[in-house]
Amino acid sequence: MDFQTKIALLKQFEKPCFQICAYLVGDHSVACQTAEQVLTELFATPRFWDGDEEVRKGILKRIATRHSLQQMSVAG
């Protein structure tokens, strides 16, 4: 999969990624930063690209939850 295709696909996950982070973190600016970290990790995760949409959603949820919980422990 070429770079532009990956970027286009990743853009489809921006909104759900932010929604998960915002729900868990509760702060808009922290959620934005967290979502950026999540999307960066997704880009570097081969399983994300190899899977179908359901696999990608599951990976997104796991990574977004982990990053959000880390942010909450830092802020807490």
PDB file of N, CA and C in Angstrom:
ATOM      1  N   MET A   1       0.861  -1.173   0.000  1.00  0.00           N
ATOM      2  CA  MET A   1       0.000   0.000   0.000  1.00  0.00           C
ATOM      3  C   MET A   1       0.909   1.238   0.000  1.00  0.00           C
ATOM      4  N   ASP A   2       0.657   2.160  -0.911  1.00  0.00           N
ATOM      5  CA  ASP A   2       1.514   3.344  -1.005  1.00  0.00           C
ATOM      6  C   ASP A   2       1.134   4.390   0.058  1.00  0.00           C
ATOM      7  N   PHE A   3       1.994   5.365   0.217  1.00  0.00           N
ATOM      8  CA  PHE A   3       1.853   6.387   1.252  1.00  0.00           C
ATOM      9  C   PHE A   3       0.520   7.128   1.143  1.00  0.00           C
ATOM     10  N   GLN A   4       0.167   7.590  -0.054  1.00  0.00           N
ATOM     11  CA  GLN A   4      -1.066   8.367  -0.225  1.00  0.00           C
ATOM     12  C   GLN A   4      -2.308   7.542   0.108  1.00  0.00           C
ATOM     13  N   THR A   5      -2.292   6.272  -0.237  1.00  0.00           N
ATOM     14  CA  THR A   5      -3.411   5.391   0.080  1.00  0.00           C
ATOM     15  C   THR A   5      -3.541   5.220   1.589  1.00  0.00           C
ATOM     16  N   LYS A   6      -2.398   5.065   2.258  1.00  0.00           N
ATOM     17  CA  LYS A   6      -2.420   4.930   3.715  1.00  0.00           C
ATOM     18  C   LYS A   6      -2.975   6.195   4.372  1.00  0.00           C
ATOM     19  N   ILE A   7      -2.547   7.350   3.887  1.00  0.00           N
ATOM     20  CA  ILE A   7      -3.022   8.612   4.458  1.00  0.00           C
ATOM     21  C   ILE A   7      -4.534   8.752   4.259  1.00  0.00           C
ATOM     22  N   ALA A   8      -5.009   8.425   3.070  1.00  0.00           N
ATOM     23  CA  ALA A   8      -6.446   8.518   2.793  1.00  0.00           C
ATOM     24  C   ALA A   8      -7.232   7.581   3.707  1.00  0.00           C
ATOM     25  N   LEU A   9      -6.729   6.397   3.919  1.00  0.00           N
ATOM     26  CA  LEU A   9      -7.409   5.437   4.790  1.00  0.00           C
ATOM     27  C   LEU A   9      -7.353   5.892   6.243  1.00  0.00           C
ATOM     28  N   LEU A  10      -6.213   6.395   6.651  1.00  0.00           N
ATOM     29  CA  LEU A  10      -6.063   6.858   8.023  1.00  0.00           C
ATOM     30  C   LEU A  10      -6.994   8.029   8.322  1.00  0.00           C
ATOM     31  N   LYS A  11      -7.238   8.886   7.343  1.00  0.00           N
ATOM     32  CA  LYS A  11      -8.155  10.022   7.532  1.00  0.00           C
ATOM     33  C   LYS A  11      -9.557   9.555   7.903  1.00  0.00           C
ATOM     34  N   GLN A  12      -9.942   8.384   7.435  1.00  0.00           N
ATOM     35  CA  GLN A  12     -11.263   7.855   7.770  1.00  0.00           C
ATOM     36  C   GLN A  12     -11.382   7.522   9.259  1.00  0.00           C
ATOM     37  N   PHE A  13     -10.242   7.360   9.916  1.00  0.00           N
ATOM     38  CA  PHE A  13     -10.243   6.989  11.329  1.00  0.00           C
ATOM     39  C   PHE A  13      -9.978   8.171  12.256  1.00  0.00           C
ATOM     40  N   GLU A  14      -9.778   9.359  11.699  1.00  0.00           N
ATOM     41  CA  GLU A  14      -9.499  10.537  12.533  1.00  0.00           C
ATOM     42  C   GLU A  14     -10.647  10.847  13.490  1.00  0.00           C
ATOM     43  N   LYS A  15     -11.856  10.929  12.972  1.00  0.00           N
ATOM     44  CA  LYS A  15     -13.002  11.296  13.804  1.00  0.00           C
ATOM     45  C   LYS A  15     -13.283  10.251  14.890  1.00  0.00           C
ATOM     46  N   PRO A  16     -13.386   8.967  14.535  1.00  0.00           N
ATOM     47  CA  PRO A  16     -13.622   7.998  15.607  1.00  0.00           C
ATOM     48  C   PRO A  16     -12.482   7.961  16.623  1.00  0.00           C
ATOM     49  N   CYS A  17     -11.266   8.181  16.172  1.00  0.00           N
ATOM     50  CA  CYS A  17     -10.119   8.219  17.072  1.00  0.00           C
ATOM     51  C   CYS A  17     -10.288   9.363  18.069  1.00  0.00           C
ATOM     52  N   PHE A  18     -10.586  10.551  17.572  1.00  0.00           N
ATOM     53  CA  PHE A  18     -10.771  11.697  18.460  1.00  0.00           C
ATOM     54  C   PHE A  18     -11.947  11.463  19.403  1.00  0.00           C
ATOM     55  N   GLN A  19     -13.033  10.883  18.913  1.00  0.00           N
ATOM     56  CA  GLN A  19     -14.207  10.649  19.751  1.00  0.00           C
ATOM     57  C   GLN A  19     -13.874   9.733  20.932  1.00  0.00           C
ATOM     58  N   ILE A  20     -13.108   8.685  20.672  1.00  0.00           N
ATOM     59  CA  ILE A  20     -12.709   7.779  21.753  1.00  0.00           C
ATOM     60  C   ILE A  20     -11.856   8.532  22.767  1.00  0.00           C
ATOM     61  N   CYS A  21     -10.862   9.246  22.268  1.00  0.00           N
ATOM     62  CA  CYS A  21      -9.952   9.982  23.156  1.00  0.00           C
ATOM     63  C   CYS A  21     -10.693  11.048  23.952  1.00  0.00           C
ATOM     64  N   ALA A  22     -11.564  11.793  23.304  1.00  0.00           N
ATOM     65  CA  ALA A  22     -12.316  12.854  23.985  1.00  0.00           C
ATOM     66  C   ALA A  22     -13.232  12.270  25.059  1.00  0.00           C
ATOM     67  N   TYR A  23     -13.864  11.162  24.753  1.00  0.00           N
ATOM     68  CA  TYR A  23     -14.749  10.521  25.720  1.00  0.00           C
ATOM     69  C   TYR A  23     -13.974  10.089  26.958  1.00  0.00           C
ATOM     70  N   LEU A  24     -12.817   9.489  26.744  1.00  0.00           N
ATOM     71  CA  LEU A  24     -12.047   8.964  27.865  1.00  0.00           C
ATOM     72  C   LEU A  24     -11.283  10.046  28.621  1.00  0.00           C
ATOM     73  N   VAL A  25     -10.726  11.001  27.899  1.00  0.00           N
ATOM     74  CA  VAL A  25      -9.887  12.024  28.519  1.00  0.00           C
ATOM     75  C   VAL A  25     -10.732  13.175  29.063  1.00  0.00           C
ATOM     76  N   GLY A  26     -11.742  13.579  28.311  1.00  0.00           N
ATOM     77  CA  GLY A  26     -12.643  14.625  28.773  1.00  0.00           C
ATOM     78  C   GLY A  26     -12.183  16.049  28.529  1.00  0.00           C
ATOM     79  N   ASP A  27     -11.013  16.231  27.972  1.00  0.00           N
ATOM     80  CA  ASP A  27     -10.477  17.564  27.703  1.00  0.00           C
ATOM     81  C   ASP A  27     -10.144  17.649  26.219  1.00  0.00           C
ATOM     82  N   HIS A  28     -10.696  18.668  25.552  1.00  0.00           N
ATOM     83  CA  HIS A  28     -10.562  18.774  24.097  1.00  0.00           C
ATOM     84  C   HIS A  28      -9.109  18.834  23.639  1.00  0.00           C
ATOM     85  N   SER A  29      -8.318  19.694  24.238  1.00  0.00           N
ATOM     86  CA  SER A  29      -6.935  19.848  23.762  1.00  0.00           C
ATOM     87  C   SER A  29      -6.097  18.607  24.047  1.00  0.00           C
ATOM     88  N   VAL A  30      -6.297  17.983  25.191  1.00  0.00           N
ATOM     89  CA  VAL A  30      -5.575  16.750  25.511  1.00  0.00           C
ATOM     90  C   VAL A  30      -6.027  15.630  24.578  1.00  0.00           C
ATOM     91  N   ALA A  31      -7.315  15.596  24.277  1.00  0.00           N
ATOM     92  CA  ALA A  31      -7.838  14.586  23.349  1.00  0.00           C
ATOM     93  C   ALA A  31      -7.232  14.753  21.956  1.00  0.00           C
ATOM     94  N   CYS A  32      -7.050  15.989  21.515  1.00  0.00           N
ATOM     95  CA  CYS A  32      -6.416  16.238  20.213  1.00  0.00           C
ATOM     96  C   CYS A  32      -4.989  15.709  20.195  1.00  0.00           C
ATOM     97  N   GLN A  33      -4.239  16.007  21.243  1.00  0.00           N
ATOM     98  CA  GLN A  33      -2.858  15.533  21.331  1.00  0.00           C
ATOM     99  C   GLN A  33      -2.810  14.009  21.390  1.00  0.00           C
ATOM    100  N   THR A  34      -3.707  13.431  22.151  1.00  0.00           N
ATOM    101  CA  THR A  34      -3.753  11.980  22.292  1.00  0.00           C
ATOM    102  C   THR A  34      -4.115  11.321  20.967  1.00  0.00           C
ATOM    103  N   ALA A  35      -5.106  11.872  20.275  1.00  0.00           N
ATOM    104  CA  ALA A  35      -5.513  11.328  18.980  1.00  0.00           C
ATOM    105  C   ALA A  35      -4.363  11.391  17.976  1.00  0.00           C
ATOM    106  N   GLU A  36      -3.586  12.458  18.021  1.00  0.00           N
ATOM    107  CA  GLU A  36      -2.436  12.575  17.124  1.00  0.00           C
ATOM    108  C   GLU A  36      -1.425  11.461  17.407  1.00  0.00           C
ATOM    109  N   GLN A  37      -1.187  11.181  18.679  1.00  0.00           N
ATOM    110  CA  GLN A  37      -0.276  10.100  19.047  1.00  0.00           C
ATOM    111  C   GLN A  37      -0.809   8.749  18.560  1.00  0.00           C
ATOM    112  N   VAL A  38      -2.109   8.555  18.717  1.00  0.00           N
ATOM    113  CA  VAL A  38      -2.738   7.305  18.293  1.00  0.00           C
ATOM    114  C   VAL A  38      -2.602   7.125  16.780  1.00  0.00           C
ATOM    115  N   LEU A  39      -2.917   8.161  16.020  1.00  0.00           N
ATOM    116  CA  LEU A  39      -2.842   8.065  14.559  1.00  0.00           C
ATOM    117  C   LEU A  39      -1.411   7.814  14.097  1.00  0.00           C
ATOM    118  N   THR A  40      -0.449   8.400  14.782  1.00  0.00           N
ATOM    119  CA  THR A  40       0.950   8.160  14.455  1.00  0.00           C
ATOM    120  C   THR A  40       1.308   6.704  14.697  1.00  0.00           C
ATOM    121  N   GLU A  41       0.851   6.156  15.813  1.00  0.00           N
ATOM    122  CA  GLU A  41       1.122   4.747  16.096  1.00  0.00           C
ATOM    123  C   GLU A  41       0.406   3.834  15.101  1.00  0.00           C
ATOM    124  N   LEU A  42      -0.833   4.175  14.757  1.00  0.00           N
ATOM    125  CA  LEU A  42      -1.563   3.377  13.771  1.00  0.00           C
ATOM    126  C   LEU A  42      -0.805   3.321  12.451  1.00  0.00           C
ATOM    127  N   PHE A  43      -0.274   4.455  12.031  1.00  0.00           N
ATOM    128  CA  PHE A  43       0.456   4.512  10.768  1.00  0.00           C
ATOM    129  C   PHE A  43       1.629   3.539  10.775  1.00  0.00           C
ATOM    130  N   ALA A  44       2.257   3.358  11.929  1.00  0.00           N
ATOM    131  CA  ALA A  44       3.436   2.504  12.036  1.00  0.00           C
ATOM    132  C   ALA A  44       3.108   1.062  12.420  1.00  0.00           C
ATOM    133  N   THR A  45       1.825   0.719  12.466  1.00  0.00           N
ATOM    134  CA  THR A  45       1.404  -0.621  12.886  1.00  0.00           C
ATOM    135  C   THR A  45       1.040  -1.475  11.673  1.00  0.00           C
ATOM    136  N   PRO A  46       1.896  -2.431  11.306  1.00  0.00           N
ATOM    137  CA  PRO A  46       1.622  -3.254  10.105  1.00  0.00           C
ATOM    138  C   PRO A  46       0.286  -3.997  10.155  1.00  0.00           C
ATOM    139  N   ARG A  47      -0.098  -4.488  11.329  1.00  0.00           N
ATOM    140  CA  ARG A  47      -1.372  -5.222  11.418  1.00  0.00           C
ATOM    141  C   ARG A  47      -2.559  -4.344  11.064  1.00  0.00           C
ATOM    142  N   PHE A  48      -2.450  -3.044  11.332  1.00  0.00           N
ATOM    143  CA  PHE A  48      -3.532  -2.124  10.982  1.00  0.00           C
ATOM    144  C   PHE A  48      -3.753  -2.136   9.470  1.00  0.00           C
ATOM    145  N   TRP A  49      -2.678  -2.156   8.711  1.00  0.00           N
ATOM    146  CA  TRP A  49      -2.777  -2.104   7.251  1.00  0.00           C
ATOM    147  C   TRP A  49      -3.143  -3.454   6.645  1.00  0.00           C
ATOM    148  N   ASP A  50      -2.781  -4.522   7.324  1.00  0.00           N
ATOM    149  CA  ASP A  50      -3.047  -5.864   6.793  1.00  0.00           C
ATOM    150  C   ASP A  50      -4.479  -6.325   7.045  1.00  0.00           C
ATOM    151  N   GLY A  51      -5.151  -5.712   8.032  1.00  0.00           N
ATOM    152  CA  GLY A  51      -6.476  -6.174   8.413  1.00  0.00           C
ATOM    153  C   GLY A  51      -7.591  -5.538   7.602  1.00  0.00           C
ATOM    154  N   ASP A  52      -8.791  -6.097   7.777  1.00  0.00           N
ATOM    155  CA  ASP A  52      -9.970  -5.496   7.163  1.00  0.00           C
ATOM    156  C   ASP A  52     -10.489  -4.397   8.087  1.00  0.00           C
ATOM    157  N   GLU A  53     -11.625  -3.809   7.754  1.00  0.00           N
ATOM    158  CA  GLU A  53     -12.132  -2.665   8.522  1.00  0.00           C
ATOM    159  C   GLU A  53     -12.409  -3.022   9.979  1.00  0.00           C
ATOM    160  N   GLU A  54     -12.948  -4.187  10.243  1.00  0.00           N
ATOM    161  CA  GLU A  54     -13.234  -4.587  11.621  1.00  0.00           C
ATOM    162  C   GLU A  54     -11.955  -4.752  12.433  1.00  0.00           C
ATOM    163  N   VAL A  55     -10.936  -5.316  11.818  1.00  0.00           N
ATOM    164  CA  VAL A  55      -9.642  -5.459  12.487  1.00  0.00           C
ATOM    165  C   VAL A  55      -9.078  -4.073  12.790  1.00  0.00           C
ATOM    166  N   ARG A  56      -9.159  -3.180  11.821  1.00  0.00           N
ATOM    167  CA  ARG A  56      -8.652  -1.818  12.014  1.00  0.00           C
ATOM    168  C   ARG A  56      -9.387  -1.102  13.140  1.00  0.00           C
ATOM    169  N   LYS A  57     -10.702  -1.270  13.205  1.00  0.00           N
ATOM    170  CA  LYS A  57     -11.480  -0.642  14.281  1.00  0.00           C
ATOM    171  C   LYS A  57     -11.038  -1.166  15.646  1.00  0.00           C
ATOM    172  N   GLY A  58     -10.812  -2.465  15.727  1.00  0.00           N
ATOM    173  CA  GLY A  58     -10.364  -3.059  16.985  1.00  0.00           C
ATOM    174  C   GLY A  58      -9.003  -2.544  17.404  1.00  0.00           C
ATOM    175  N   ILE A  59      -8.091  -2.446  16.461  1.00  0.00           N
ATOM    176  CA  ILE A  59      -6.755  -1.922  16.755  1.00  0.00           C
ATOM    177  C   ILE A  59      -6.856  -0.462  17.184  1.00  0.00           C
ATOM    178  N   LEU A  60      -7.666   0.312  16.481  1.00  0.00           N
ATOM    179  CA  LEU A  60      -7.871   1.716  16.855  1.00  0.00           C
ATOM    180  C   LEU A  60      -8.373   1.816  18.284  1.00  0.00           C
ATOM    181  N   LYS A  61      -9.380   1.050  18.642  1.00  0.00           N
ATOM    182  CA  LYS A  61      -9.951   1.117  19.989  1.00  0.00           C
ATOM    183  C   LYS A  61      -8.914   0.774  21.046  1.00  0.00           C
ATOM    184  N   ARG A  62      -8.129  -0.273  20.807  1.00  0.00           N
ATOM    185  CA  ARG A  62      -7.111  -0.680  21.782  1.00  0.00           C
ATOM    186  C   ARG A  62      -6.046   0.397  21.973  1.00  0.00           C
ATOM    187  N   ILE A  63      -5.533   0.912  20.858  1.00  0.00           N
ATOM    188  CA  ILE A  63      -4.458   1.907  20.947  1.00  0.00           C
ATOM    189  C   ILE A  63      -4.985   3.222  21.519  1.00  0.00           C
ATOM    190  N   ALA A  64      -6.160   3.641  21.088  1.00  0.00           N
ATOM    191  CA  ALA A  64      -6.738   4.896  21.606  1.00  0.00           C
ATOM    192  C   ALA A  64      -7.026   4.787  23.102  1.00  0.00           C
ATOM    193  N   THR A  65      -7.528   3.657  23.528  1.00  0.00           N
ATOM    194  CA  THR A  65      -7.803   3.457  24.951  1.00  0.00           C
ATOM    195  C   THR A  65      -6.507   3.491  25.754  1.00  0.00           C
ATOM    196  N   ARG A  66      -5.485   2.811  25.268  1.00  0.00           N
ATOM    197  CA  ARG A  66      -4.205   2.790  25.977  1.00  0.00           C
ATOM    198  C   ARG A  66      -3.613   4.189  26.108  1.00  0.00           C
ATOM    199  N   HIS A  67      -3.576   4.926  25.004  1.00  0.00           N
ATOM    200  CA  HIS A  67      -3.019   6.275  25.040  1.00  0.00           C
ATOM    201  C   HIS A  67      -3.853   7.203  25.936  1.00  0.00           C
ATOM    202  N   SER A  68      -5.169   7.063  25.875  1.00  0.00           N
ATOM    203  CA  SER A  68      -6.040   7.904  26.709  1.00  0.00           C
ATOM    204  C   SER A  68      -5.829   7.628  28.190  1.00  0.00           C
ATOM    205  N   LEU A  69      -5.728   6.350  28.532  1.00  0.00           N
ATOM    206  CA  LEU A  69      -5.500   5.999  29.927  1.00  0.00           C
ATOM    207  C   LEU A  69      -4.149   6.497  30.407  1.00  0.00           C
ATOM    208  N   GLN A  70      -3.147   6.444  29.544  1.00  0.00           N
ATOM    209  CA  GLN A  70      -1.830   6.987  29.892  1.00  0.00           C
ATOM    210  C   GLN A  70      -1.920   8.486  30.150  1.00  0.00           C
ATOM    211  N   GLN A  71      -2.660   9.203  29.300  1.00  0.00           N
ATOM    212  CA  GLN A  71      -2.832  10.640  29.495  1.00  0.00           C
ATOM    213  C   GLN A  71      -3.548  10.942  30.806  1.00  0.00           C
ATOM    214  N   MET A  72      -4.539  10.137  31.118  1.00  0.00           N
ATOM    215  CA  MET A  72      -5.287  10.347  32.345  1.00  0.00           C
ATOM    216  C   MET A  72      -4.405  10.106  33.576  1.00  0.00           C
ATOM    217  N   SER A  73      -3.512   9.129  33.505  1.00  0.00           N
ATOM    218  CA  SER A  73      -2.634   8.856  34.648  1.00  0.00           C
ATOM    219  C   SER A  73      -1.603   9.969  34.815  1.00  0.00           C
ATOM    220  N   VAL A  74      -1.178  10.575  33.715  1.00  0.00           N
ATOM    221  CA  VAL A  74      -0.235  11.693  33.773  1.00  0.00           C
ATOM    222  C   VAL A  74      -0.927  12.910  34.379  1.00  0.00           C
ATOM    223  N   ALA A  75      -2.161  13.160  33.945  1.00  0.00           N
ATOM    224  CA  ALA A  75      -2.901  14.340  34.407  1.00  0.00           C
ATOM    225  C   ALA A  75      -3.452  14.147  35.822  1.00  0.00           C
ATOM    226  N   GLY A  76      -3.684  12.892  36.183  1.00  0.00           N
ATOM    227  CA  GLY A  76      -4.370  12.588  37.415  1.00  0.00           C
ATOM    228  C   GLY A  76      -3.590  12.785  38.638  1.00  0.00           C
TER     229      GLY A  76
END
